[in-house]
Amino acid sequence: MRRILIDRARKRGRKRHGHGLQRVDLNGVDVAMTSDDNTLLLVNEALEKLESEAPEKAALVKLRYFAGLSIEDASEALGISPATAKRNWAFARAWIIMFLMS
């Protein structure tokens, strides 16, 4: 599902890397299907970088942002406790925001 959404977003508005960067607020999680294309591409770029450094946290972001799962459902799918999922989610949100601001 992620690949389909990313390919669709890329086809709609191909811009040079870095053009039109904007801040993405992940506090109010919005399922990717209702996000605009620019936000989707920004989150995907940040997610690819996070995946190389912290794959378990990136997997949580994929489940929460792209699949729309709750913390409880995502933690169950990943086989971790809800408390660990909350900590990983807080870390991943902060990491993605810092990546987008740099």
Protein backbone atom coordinates (compact mmCIF):
# COMPACT_ATOMS: atom_id res chain seq x y z
CA MET A 1 0.00 0.00 0.00
CA ARG A 2 2.84 2.37 0.86
CA ARG A 3 4.48 1.89 -2.55
CA ILE A 4 1.22 2.61 -4.37
CA LEU A 5 0.67 5.82 -2.41
CA ILE A 6 4.24 6.99 -2.92
CA ASP A 7 4.24 6.27 -6.67
CA ARG A 8 0.93 8.12 -7.05
CA ALA A 9 2.24 11.13 -5.15
CA ARG A 10 5.43 11.23 -7.23
CA LYS A 11 3.51 11.13 -10.50
CA ARG A 12 1.29 14.04 -9.49
CA GLY A 13 3.95 16.58 -8.67
CA ARG A 14 7.53 15.94 -9.58
CA LYS A 15 9.71 18.64 -8.12
CA ARG A 16 13.39 18.87 -7.52
CA HIS A 17 14.61 17.60 -4.16
CA GLY A 18 14.15 20.21 -1.52
CA HIS A 19 11.80 22.41 -3.50
CA GLY A 20 8.78 23.52 -1.51
CA LEU A 21 9.76 21.86 1.78
CA GLN A 22 7.23 22.32 4.52
CA ARG A 23 6.87 21.31 8.12
CA VAL A 24 4.88 18.16 8.85
CA ASP A 25 3.02 17.86 12.16
CA LEU A 26 2.75 14.20 13.19
CA ASN A 27 1.08 14.91 16.54
CA GLY A 28 -2.39 14.51 15.08
CA VAL A 29 -1.77 11.39 13.04
CA ASP A 30 -3.50 11.62 9.71
CA VAL A 31 -3.83 8.49 7.62
CA ALA A 32 -1.83 8.85 4.42
CA MET A 33 -4.91 8.42 2.22
CA THR A 34 -6.19 11.83 3.37
CA SER A 35 -2.81 13.61 3.33
CA ASP A 36 -1.76 15.87 0.50
CA ASP A 37 0.92 14.62 -1.86
CA ASN A 38 3.66 16.95 -0.63
CA THR A 39 3.20 15.83 2.97
CA LEU A 40 3.19 12.21 1.88
CA LEU A 41 6.46 12.62 -0.01
CA LEU A 42 8.13 14.48 2.86
CA VAL A 43 7.15 11.83 5.38
CA ASN A 44 8.32 9.06 3.03
CA GLU A 45 11.73 10.69 2.54
CA ALA A 46 12.17 11.09 6.30
CA LEU A 47 10.93 7.54 6.87
CA GLU A 48 13.51 6.10 4.47
CA LYS A 49 16.29 7.83 6.45
CA LEU A 50 14.82 6.68 9.78
CA GLU A 51 14.55 3.13 8.46
CA SER A 52 18.32 2.99 7.88
CA GLU A 53 18.99 4.09 11.48
CA ALA A 54 16.12 2.60 13.48
CA PRO A 55 14.12 0.00 11.52
CA GLU A 56 11.86 -0.94 14.45
CA LYS A 57 10.76 2.68 14.89
CA ALA A 58 10.25 3.09 11.15
CA ALA A 59 8.03 0.00 11.13
CA LEU A 60 5.87 1.62 13.81
CA VAL A 61 5.57 4.82 11.75
CA LYS A 62 4.51 2.80 8.72
CA LEU A 63 1.77 1.09 10.69
CA ARG A 64 0.56 4.28 12.37
CA TYR A 65 0.82 6.73 9.47
CA PHE A 66 0.32 4.64 6.36
CA ALA A 67 -2.00 1.96 7.72
CA GLY A 68 -3.79 4.13 10.29
CA LEU A 69 -3.38 1.72 13.20
CA SER A 70 -3.66 2.85 16.81
CA ILE A 71 -0.75 2.52 19.24
CA GLU A 72 -2.33 -0.59 20.72
CA ASP A 73 -2.94 -2.25 17.35
CA ALA A 74 0.53 -1.36 16.05
CA SER A 75 2.21 -2.64 19.21
CA GLU A 76 0.33 -5.91 18.91
CA ALA A 77 1.31 -6.25 15.24
CA LEU A 78 4.98 -5.62 16.08
CA GLY A 79 4.96 -7.82 19.18
CA ILE A 80 5.98 -5.05 21.58
CA SER A 81 4.26 -3.54 24.60
CA PRO A 82 2.04 -0.45 24.18
CA ALA A 83 4.43 1.49 26.45
CA THR A 84 7.38 0.67 24.18
CA ALA A 85 5.30 1.60 21.15
CA LYS A 86 4.47 4.98 22.74
CA ARG A 87 8.15 5.66 23.44
CA ASN A 88 9.14 4.61 19.92
CA TRP A 89 6.35 6.73 18.44
CA ALA A 90 7.50 9.81 20.41
CA PHE A 91 11.09 9.23 19.28
CA ALA A 92 10.12 8.69 15.64
CA ARG A 93 7.92 11.81 15.57
CA ALA A 94 10.72 13.94 17.01
CA TRP A 95 13.28 12.39 14.65
CA ILE A 96 11.13 12.99 11.56
CA ILE A 97 10.39 16.58 12.57
CA MET A 98 14.10 17.26 13.14
CA PHE A 99 14.91 15.68 9.78
CA LEU A 100 12.35 17.85 8.01
CA MET A 101 13.59 21.01 9.70
CA SER A 102 17.21 20.45 8.70
